Amino acid sequence: GTASPGKHAALREHGVDLPLDGQDPDLARKIRDF
């Protein structure tokens, strides 16, 4: 799940396995690694 970093803890609480910053320039690589 992507969201701003300040929301990542909430995403984990709701079951997201890997929260990521949607504005991260390395986003695609991190998803491929997962």
ModelCIF file with pLDDT and N, C-alpha, C, O atoms, coordinates in Angstrom:
data_MODEL
#
_entry.id   MODEL 
#
_entity.id                         1 
_entity.type                       polymer 
_entity.pdbx_number_of_molecules   1 
#
_entity_poly.entity_id                      1 
_entity_poly.type                           'polypeptide(L)' 
_entity_poly.nstd_linkage                   no 
_entity_poly.nstd_monomer                   no 
_entity_poly.pdbx_seq_one_letter_code       GTASPGKHAALREHGVDLPLDGQDPDLARKIRDF 
_entity_poly.pdbx_seq_one_letter_code_can   GTASPGKHAALREHGVDLPLDGQDPDLARKIRDF 
_entity_poly.pdbx_strand_id                 A 
#
loop_
_entity_poly_seq.entity_id 
_entity_poly_seq.num 
_entity_poly_seq.mon_id 
_entity_poly_seq.hetero 
1 1  GLY n 
1 2  THR n 
1 3  ALA n 
1 4  SER n 
1 5  PRO n 
1 6  GLY n 
1 7  LYS n 
1 8  HIS n 
1 9  ALA n 
1 10 ALA n 
1 11 LEU n 
1 12 ARG n 
1 13 GLU n 
1 14 HIS n 
1 15 GLY n 
1 16 VAL n 
1 17 ASP n 
1 18 LEU n 
1 19 PRO n 
1 20 LEU n 
1 21 ASP n 
1 22 GLY n 
1 23 GLN n 
1 24 ASP n 
1 25 PRO n 
1 26 ASP n 
1 27 LEU n 
1 28 ALA n 
1 29 ARG n 
1 30 LYS n 
1 31 ILE n 
1 32 ARG n 
1 33 ASP n 
1 34 PHE n 
#
_struct_asym.id          A 
_struct_asym.entity_id   1 
#
loop_
_ma_qa_metric.id 
_ma_qa_metric.mode 
_ma_qa_metric.name 
_ma_qa_metric.software_group_id 
_ma_qa_metric.type 
1 global pLDDT . pLDDT 
2 local  pLDDT . pLDDT 
#
_ma_qa_metric_global.metric_id      1 
_ma_qa_metric_global.metric_value   97.09 
_ma_qa_metric_global.model_id       1 
_ma_qa_metric_global.ordinal_id     1 
#
loop_
_ma_qa_metric_local.label_asym_id 
_ma_qa_metric_local.label_comp_id 
_ma_qa_metric_local.label_seq_id 
_ma_qa_metric_local.metric_id 
_ma_qa_metric_local.metric_value 
_ma_qa_metric_local.model_id 
_ma_qa_metric_local.ordinal_id 
A GLY 1  2 98.00 1 1  
A THR 2  2 98.00 1 2  
A ALA 3  2 97.00 1 3  
A SER 4  2 96.00 1 4  
A PRO 5  2 97.00 1 5  
A GLY 6  2 96.00 1 6  
A LYS 7  2 97.00 1 7  
A HIS 8  2 98.00 1 8  
A ALA 9  2 97.00 1 9  
A ALA 10 2 97.00 1 10 
A LEU 11 2 98.00 1 11 
A ARG 12 2 98.00 1 12 
A GLU 13 2 97.00 1 13 
A HIS 14 2 96.00 1 14 
A GLY 15 2 97.00 1 15 
A VAL 16 2 98.00 1 16 
A ASP 17 2 98.00 1 17 
A LEU 18 2 98.00 1 18 
A PRO 19 2 98.00 1 19 
A LEU 20 2 98.00 1 20 
A ASP 21 2 98.00 1 21 
A GLY 22 2 94.00 1 22 
A GLN 23 2 93.00 1 23 
A ASP 24 2 96.00 1 24 
A PRO 25 2 95.00 1 25 
A ASP 26 2 97.00 1 26 
A LEU 27 2 97.00 1 27 
A ALA 28 2 97.00 1 28 
A ARG 29 2 97.00 1 29 
A LYS 30 2 98.00 1 30 
A ILE 31 2 98.00 1 31 
A ARG 32 2 98.00 1 32 
A ASP 33 2 98.00 1 33 
A PHE 34 2 98.00 1 34 
#
loop_
_atom_site.group_PDB 
_atom_site.id 
_atom_site.type_symbol 
_atom_site.label_atom_id 
_atom_site.label_alt_id 
_atom_site.label_comp_id 
_atom_site.label_asym_id 
_atom_site.label_entity_id 
_atom_site.label_seq_id 
_atom_site.pdbx_PDB_ins_code 
_atom_site.Cartn_x 
_atom_site.Cartn_y 
_atom_site.Cartn_z 
_atom_site.occupancy 
_atom_site.B_iso_or_equiv 
_atom_site.pdbx_formal_charge 
_atom_site.auth_seq_id 
_atom_site.auth_comp_id 
_atom_site.auth_asym_id 
_atom_site.auth_atom_id 
_atom_site.pdbx_PDB_model_num 
ATOM 1   N N  . GLY A 1 1  ? 0.821  -1.208 0.000  1.00 98.00 ? 1  GLY A N  1 
ATOM 2   C CA . GLY A 1 1  ? 0.000  0.000  0.000  1.00 98.00 ? 1  GLY A CA 1 
ATOM 3   C C  . GLY A 1 1  ? 0.848  1.248  0.000  1.00 98.00 ? 1  GLY A C  1 
ATOM 4   O O  . GLY A 1 1  ? 1.818  1.339  0.752  1.00 98.00 ? 1  GLY A O  1 
ATOM 5   N N  . THR A 1 2  ? 0.493  2.223  -0.842 1.00 98.00 ? 2  THR A N  1 
ATOM 6   C CA . THR A 1 2  ? 1.250  3.472  -0.863 1.00 98.00 ? 2  THR A CA 1 
ATOM 7   C C  . THR A 1 2  ? 0.478  4.574  -0.156 1.00 98.00 ? 2  THR A C  1 
ATOM 8   O O  . THR A 1 2  ? -0.746 4.670  -0.246 1.00 98.00 ? 2  THR A O  1 
ATOM 9   N N  . ALA A 1 3  ? 1.233  5.397  0.545  1.00 97.00 ? 3  ALA A N  1 
ATOM 10  C CA . ALA A 1 3  ? 0.692  6.566  1.244  1.00 97.00 ? 3  ALA A CA 1 
ATOM 11  C C  . ALA A 1 3  ? 1.889  7.373  1.730  1.00 97.00 ? 3  ALA A C  1 
ATOM 12  O O  . ALA A 1 3  ? 3.024  6.902  1.654  1.00 97.00 ? 3  ALA A O  1 
ATOM 13  N N  . SER A 1 4  ? 1.653  8.565  2.220  1.00 96.00 ? 4  SER A N  1 
ATOM 14  C CA . SER A 1 4  ? 2.742  9.361  2.779  1.00 96.00 ? 4  SER A CA 1 
ATOM 15  C C  . SER A 1 4  ? 3.293  8.652  4.013  1.00 96.00 ? 4  SER A C  1 
ATOM 16  O O  . SER A 1 4  ? 2.549  7.944  4.692  1.00 96.00 ? 4  SER A O  1 
ATOM 17  N N  . PRO A 1 5  ? 4.590  8.825  4.320  1.00 97.00 ? 5  PRO A N  1 
ATOM 18  C CA . PRO A 1 5  ? 5.221  8.080  5.416  1.00 97.00 ? 5  PRO A CA 1 
ATOM 19  C C  . PRO A 1 5  ? 4.507  8.193  6.752  1.00 97.00 ? 5  PRO A C  1 
ATOM 20  O O  . PRO A 1 5  ? 4.517  7.243  7.535  1.00 97.00 ? 5  PRO A O  1 
ATOM 21  N N  . GLY A 1 6  ? 3.885  9.340  7.031  1.00 96.00 ? 6  GLY A N  1 
ATOM 22  C CA . GLY A 1 6  ? 3.198  9.514  8.305  1.00 96.00 ? 6  GLY A CA 1 
ATOM 23  C C  . GLY A 1 6  ? 1.987  8.613  8.476  1.00 96.00 ? 6  GLY A C  1 
ATOM 24  O O  . GLY A 1 6  ? 1.451  8.502  9.579  1.00 96.00 ? 6  GLY A O  1 
ATOM 25  N N  . LYS A 1 7  ? 1.546  7.969  7.402  1.00 97.00 ? 7  LYS A N  1 
ATOM 26  C CA . LYS A 1 7  ? 0.372  7.094  7.462  1.00 97.00 ? 7  LYS A CA 1 
ATOM 27  C C  . LYS A 1 7  ? 0.748  5.612  7.455  1.00 97.00 ? 7  LYS A C  1 
ATOM 28  O O  . LYS A 1 7  ? -0.133 4.753  7.497  1.00 97.00 ? 7  LYS A O  1 
ATOM 29  N N  . HIS A 1 8  ? 2.048  5.303  7.401  1.00 98.00 ? 8  HIS A N  1 
ATOM 30  C CA . HIS A 1 8  ? 2.467  3.906  7.260  1.00 98.00 ? 8  HIS A CA 1 
ATOM 31  C C  . HIS A 1 8  ? 2.108  3.056  8.472  1.00 98.00 ? 8  HIS A C  1 
ATOM 32  O O  . HIS A 1 8  ? 1.736  1.893  8.323  1.00 98.00 ? 8  HIS A O  1 
ATOM 33  N N  . ALA A 1 9  ? 2.214  3.623  9.666  1.00 97.00 ? 9  ALA A N  1 
ATOM 34  C CA . ALA A 1 9  ? 1.865  2.849  10.865 1.00 97.00 ? 9  ALA A CA 1 
ATOM 35  C C  . ALA A 1 9  ? 0.400  2.437  10.823 1.00 97.00 ? 9  ALA A C  1 
ATOM 36  O O  . ALA A 1 9  ? 0.051  1.313  11.184 1.00 97.00 ? 9  ALA A O  1 
ATOM 37  N N  . ALA A 1 10 ? -0.459 3.360  10.377 1.00 97.00 ? 10 ALA A N  1 
ATOM 38  C CA . ALA A 1 10 ? -1.884 3.035  10.269 1.00 97.00 ? 10 ALA A CA 1 
ATOM 39  C C  . ALA A 1 10 ? -2.116 1.948  9.222  1.00 97.00 ? 10 ALA A C  1 
ATOM 40  O O  . ALA A 1 10 ? -2.962 1.074  9.412  1.00 97.00 ? 10 ALA A O  1 
ATOM 41  N N  . LEU A 1 11 ? -1.370 1.999  8.121  1.00 98.00 ? 11 LEU A N  1 
ATOM 42  C CA . LEU A 1 11 ? -1.529 0.965  7.098  1.00 98.00 ? 11 LEU A CA 1 
ATOM 43  C C  . LEU A 1 11 ? -1.150 -0.409 7.654  1.00 98.00 ? 11 LEU A C  1 
ATOM 44  O O  . LEU A 1 11 ? -1.826 -1.399 7.375  1.00 98.00 ? 11 LEU A O  1 
ATOM 45  N N  . ARG A 1 12 ? -0.093 -0.469 8.422  1.00 98.00 ? 12 ARG A N  1 
ATOM 46  C CA . ARG A 1 12 ? 0.309  -1.754 9.028  1.00 98.00 ? 12 ARG A CA 1 
ATOM 47  C C  . ARG A 1 12 ? -0.786 -2.259 9.960  1.00 98.00 ? 12 ARG A C  1 
ATOM 48  O O  . ARG A 1 12 ? -1.084 -3.453 9.978  1.00 98.00 ? 12 ARG A O  1 
ATOM 49  N N  . GLU A 1 13 ? -1.385 -1.359 10.735 1.00 97.00 ? 13 GLU A N  1 
ATOM 50  C CA . GLU A 1 13 ? -2.450 -1.756 11.649 1.00 97.00 ? 13 GLU A CA 1 
ATOM 51  C C  . GLU A 1 13 ? -3.647 -2.348 10.901 1.00 97.00 ? 13 GLU A C  1 
ATOM 52  O O  . GLU A 1 13 ? -4.376 -3.177 11.445 1.00 97.00 ? 13 GLU A O  1 
ATOM 53  N N  . HIS A 1 14 ? -3.842 -1.925 9.668  1.00 96.00 ? 14 HIS A N  1 
ATOM 54  C CA . HIS A 1 14 ? -4.960 -2.419 8.868  1.00 96.00 ? 14 HIS A CA 1 
ATOM 55  C C  . HIS A 1 14 ? -4.576 -3.606 7.998  1.00 96.00 ? 14 HIS A C  1 
ATOM 56  O O  . HIS A 1 14 ? -5.374 -4.056 7.176  1.00 96.00 ? 14 HIS A O  1 
ATOM 57  N N  . GLY A 1 15 ? -3.355 -4.120 8.170  1.00 97.00 ? 15 GLY A N  1 
ATOM 58  C CA . GLY A 1 15 ? -2.990 -5.360 7.505  1.00 97.00 ? 15 GLY A CA 1 
ATOM 59  C C  . GLY A 1 15 ? -2.117 -5.237 6.278  1.00 97.00 ? 15 GLY A C  1 
ATOM 60  O O  . GLY A 1 15 ? -1.806 -6.249 5.650  1.00 97.00 ? 15 GLY A O  1 
ATOM 61  N N  . VAL A 1 16 ? -1.706 -4.024 5.911  1.00 98.00 ? 16 VAL A N  1 
ATOM 62  C CA . VAL A 1 16 ? -0.839 -3.868 4.745  1.00 98.00 ? 16 VAL A CA 1 
ATOM 63  C C  . VAL A 1 16 ? 0.519  -4.510 5.036  1.00 98.00 ? 16 VAL A C  1 
ATOM 64  O O  . VAL A 1 16 ? 1.141  -4.222 6.058  1.00 98.00 ? 16 VAL A O  1 
ATOM 65  N N  . ASP A 1 17 ? 0.971  -5.378 4.135  1.00 98.00 ? 17 ASP A N  1 
ATOM 66  C CA . ASP A 1 17 ? 2.230  -6.101 4.348  1.00 98.00 ? 17 ASP A CA 1 
ATOM 67  C C  . ASP A 1 17 ? 3.449  -5.210 4.119  1.00 98.00 ? 17 ASP A C  1 
ATOM 68  O O  . ASP A 1 17 ? 4.457  -5.334 4.816  1.00 98.00 ? 17 ASP A O  1 
ATOM 69  N N  . LEU A 1 18 ? 3.350  -4.309 3.138  1.00 98.00 ? 18 LEU A N  1 
ATOM 70  C CA . LEU A 1 18 ? 4.479  -3.430 2.837  1.00 98.00 ? 18 LEU A CA 1 
ATOM 71  C C  . LEU A 1 18 ? 3.967  -2.028 2.523  1.00 98.00 ? 18 LEU A C  1 
ATOM 72  O O  . LEU A 1 18 ? 3.529  -1.770 1.402  1.00 98.00 ? 18 LEU A O  1 
ATOM 73  N N  . PRO A 1 19 ? 4.016  -1.107 3.509  1.00 98.00 ? 19 PRO A N  1 
ATOM 74  C CA . PRO A 1 19 ? 3.653  0.289  3.221  1.00 98.00 ? 19 PRO A CA 1 
ATOM 75  C C  . PRO A 1 19 ? 4.830  0.983  2.539  1.00 98.00 ? 19 PRO A C  1 
ATOM 76  O O  . PRO A 1 19 ? 5.978  0.803  2.944  1.00 98.00 ? 19 PRO A O  1 
ATOM 77  N N  . LEU A 1 20 ? 4.548  1.768  1.517  1.00 98.00 ? 20 LEU A N  1 
ATOM 78  C CA . LEU A 1 20 ? 5.584  2.501  0.800  1.00 98.00 ? 20 LEU A CA 1 
ATOM 79  C C  . LEU A 1 20 ? 5.116  3.923  0.531  1.00 98.00 ? 20 LEU A C  1 
ATOM 80  O O  . LEU A 1 20 ? 3.918  4.201  0.468  1.00 98.00 ? 20 LEU A O  1 
ATOM 81  N N  . ASP A 1 21 ? 6.083  4.809  0.373  1.00 98.00 ? 21 ASP A N  1 
ATOM 82  C CA . ASP A 1 21 ? 5.811  6.197  0.031  1.00 98.00 ? 21 ASP A CA 1 
ATOM 83  C C  . ASP A 1 21 ? 5.525  6.284  -1.463 1.00 98.00 ? 21 ASP A C  1 
ATOM 84  O O  . ASP A 1 21 ? 6.379  5.940  -2.279 1.00 98.00 ? 21 ASP A O  1 
ATOM 85  N N  . GLY A 1 22 ? 4.333  6.742  -1.823 1.00 94.00 ? 22 GLY A N  1 
ATOM 86  C CA . GLY A 1 22 ? 3.967  6.828  -3.224 1.00 94.00 ? 22 GLY A CA 1 
ATOM 87  C C  . GLY A 1 22 ? 4.819  7.795  -4.018 1.00 94.00 ? 22 GLY A C  1 
ATOM 88  O O  . GLY A 1 22 ? 4.838  7.728  -5.247 1.00 94.00 ? 22 GLY A O  1 
ATOM 89  N N  . GLN A 1 23 ? 5.540  8.711  -3.334 1.00 93.00 ? 23 GLN A N  1 
ATOM 90  C CA . GLN A 1 23 ? 6.401  9.684  -4.009 1.00 93.00 ? 23 GLN A CA 1 
ATOM 91  C C  . GLN A 1 23 ? 7.861  9.236  -4.062 1.00 93.00 ? 23 GLN A C  1 
ATOM 92  O O  . GLN A 1 23 ? 8.711  9.964  -4.576 1.00 93.00 ? 23 GLN A O  1 
ATOM 93  N N  . ASP A 1 24 ? 8.157  8.064  -3.545 1.00 96.00 ? 24 ASP A N  1 
ATOM 94  C CA . ASP A 1 24 ? 9.530  7.549  -3.534 1.00 96.00 ? 24 ASP A CA 1 
ATOM 95  C C  . ASP A 1 24 ? 9.998  7.285  -4.967 1.00 96.00 ? 24 ASP A C  1 
ATOM 96  O O  . ASP A 1 24 ? 9.356  6.510  -5.677 1.00 96.00 ? 24 ASP A O  1 
ATOM 97  N N  . PRO A 1 25 ? 11.092 7.901  -5.412 1.00 95.00 ? 25 PRO A N  1 
ATOM 98  C CA . PRO A 1 25 ? 11.569 7.642  -6.775 1.00 95.00 ? 25 PRO A CA 1 
ATOM 99  C C  . PRO A 1 25 ? 11.993 6.201  -6.999 1.00 95.00 ? 25 PRO A C  1 
ATOM 100 O O  . PRO A 1 25 ? 12.120 5.750  -8.137 1.00 95.00 ? 25 PRO A O  1 
ATOM 101 N N  . ASP A 1 26 ? 12.214 5.473  -5.895 1.00 97.00 ? 26 ASP A N  1 
ATOM 102 C CA . ASP A 1 26 ? 12.621 4.070  -5.981 1.00 97.00 ? 26 ASP A CA 1 
ATOM 103 C C  . ASP A 1 26 ? 11.448 3.121  -5.764 1.00 97.00 ? 26 ASP A C  1 
ATOM 104 O O  . ASP A 1 26 ? 11.641 1.936  -5.492 1.00 97.00 ? 26 ASP A O  1 
ATOM 105 N N  . LEU A 1 27 ? 10.228 3.650  -5.884 1.00 97.00 ? 27 LEU A N  1 
ATOM 106 C CA . LEU A 1 27 ? 9.028  2.879  -5.567 1.00 97.00 ? 27 LEU A CA 1 
ATOM 107 C C  . LEU A 1 27 ? 8.928  1.601  -6.396 1.00 97.00 ? 27 LEU A C  1 
ATOM 108 O O  . LEU A 1 27 ? 8.698  0.526  -5.842 1.00 97.00 ? 27 LEU A O  1 
ATOM 109 N N  . ALA A 1 28 ? 9.095  1.697  -7.692 1.00 97.00 ? 28 ALA A N  1 
ATOM 110 C CA . ALA A 1 28 ? 8.916  0.540  -8.570 1.00 97.00 ? 28 ALA A CA 1 
ATOM 111 C C  . ALA A 1 28 ? 9.899  -0.575 -8.221 1.00 97.00 ? 28 ALA A C  1 
ATOM 112 O O  . ALA A 1 28 ? 9.527  -1.748 -8.213 1.00 97.00 ? 28 ALA A O  1 
ATOM 113 N N  . ARG A 1 29 ? 11.153 -0.217 -7.932 1.00 97.00 ? 29 ARG A N  1 
ATOM 114 C CA . ARG A 1 29 ? 12.145 -1.243 -7.598 1.00 97.00 ? 29 ARG A CA 1 
ATOM 115 C C  . ARG A 1 29 ? 11.763 -1.956 -6.307 1.00 97.00 ? 29 ARG A C  1 
ATOM 116 O O  . ARG A 1 29 ? 11.886 -3.178 -6.215 1.00 97.00 ? 29 ARG A O  1 
ATOM 117 N N  . LYS A 1 30 ? 11.301 -1.206 -5.313 1.00 98.00 ? 30 LYS A N  1 
ATOM 118 C CA . LYS A 1 30 ? 10.939 -1.810 -4.033 1.00 98.00 ? 30 LYS A CA 1 
ATOM 119 C C  . LYS A 1 30 ? 9.762  -2.779 -4.197 1.00 98.00 ? 30 LYS A C  1 
ATOM 120 O O  . LYS A 1 30 ? 9.709  -3.824 -3.547 1.00 98.00 ? 30 LYS A O  1 
ATOM 121 N N  . ILE A 1 31 ? 8.827  -2.417 -5.068 1.00 98.00 ? 31 ILE A N  1 
ATOM 122 C CA . ILE A 1 31 ? 7.697  -3.319 -5.307 1.00 98.00 ? 31 ILE A CA 1 
ATOM 123 C C  . ILE A 1 31 ? 8.173  -4.579 -6.034 1.00 98.00 ? 31 ILE A C  1 
ATOM 124 O O  . ILE A 1 31 ? 7.741  -5.684 -5.707 1.00 98.00 ? 31 ILE A O  1 
ATOM 125 N N  . ARG A 1 32 ? 9.052  -4.415 -7.009 1.00 98.00 ? 32 ARG A N  1 
ATOM 126 C CA . ARG A 1 32 ? 9.586  -5.587 -7.724 1.00 98.00 ? 32 ARG A CA 1 
ATOM 127 C C  . ARG A 1 32 ? 10.377 -6.487 -6.781 1.00 98.00 ? 32 ARG A C  1 
ATOM 128 O O  . ARG A 1 32 ? 10.296 -7.711 -6.877 1.00 98.00 ? 32 ARG A O  1 
ATOM 129 N N  . ASP A 1 33 ? 11.138 -5.887 -5.873 1.00 98.00 ? 33 ASP A N  1 
ATOM 130 C CA . ASP A 1 33 ? 11.887 -6.687 -4.898 1.00 98.00 ? 33 ASP A CA 1 
ATOM 131 C C  . ASP A 1 33 ? 10.936 -7.496 -4.028 1.00 98.00 ? 33 ASP A C  1 
ATOM 132 O O  . ASP A 1 33 ? 11.208 -8.655 -3.715 1.00 98.00 ? 33 ASP A O  1 
ATOM 133 N N  . PHE A 1 34 ? 9.813  -6.883 -3.634 1.00 98.00 ? 34 PHE A N  1 
ATOM 134 C CA . PHE A 1 34 ? 8.825  -7.582 -2.806 1.00 98.00 ? 34 PHE A CA 1 
ATOM 135 C C  . PHE A 1 34 ? 8.259  -8.785 -3.558 1.00 98.00 ? 34 PHE A C  1 
ATOM 136 O O  . PHE A 1 34 ? 7.412  -9.502 -3.026 1.00 98.00 ? 34 PHE A O  1 
#
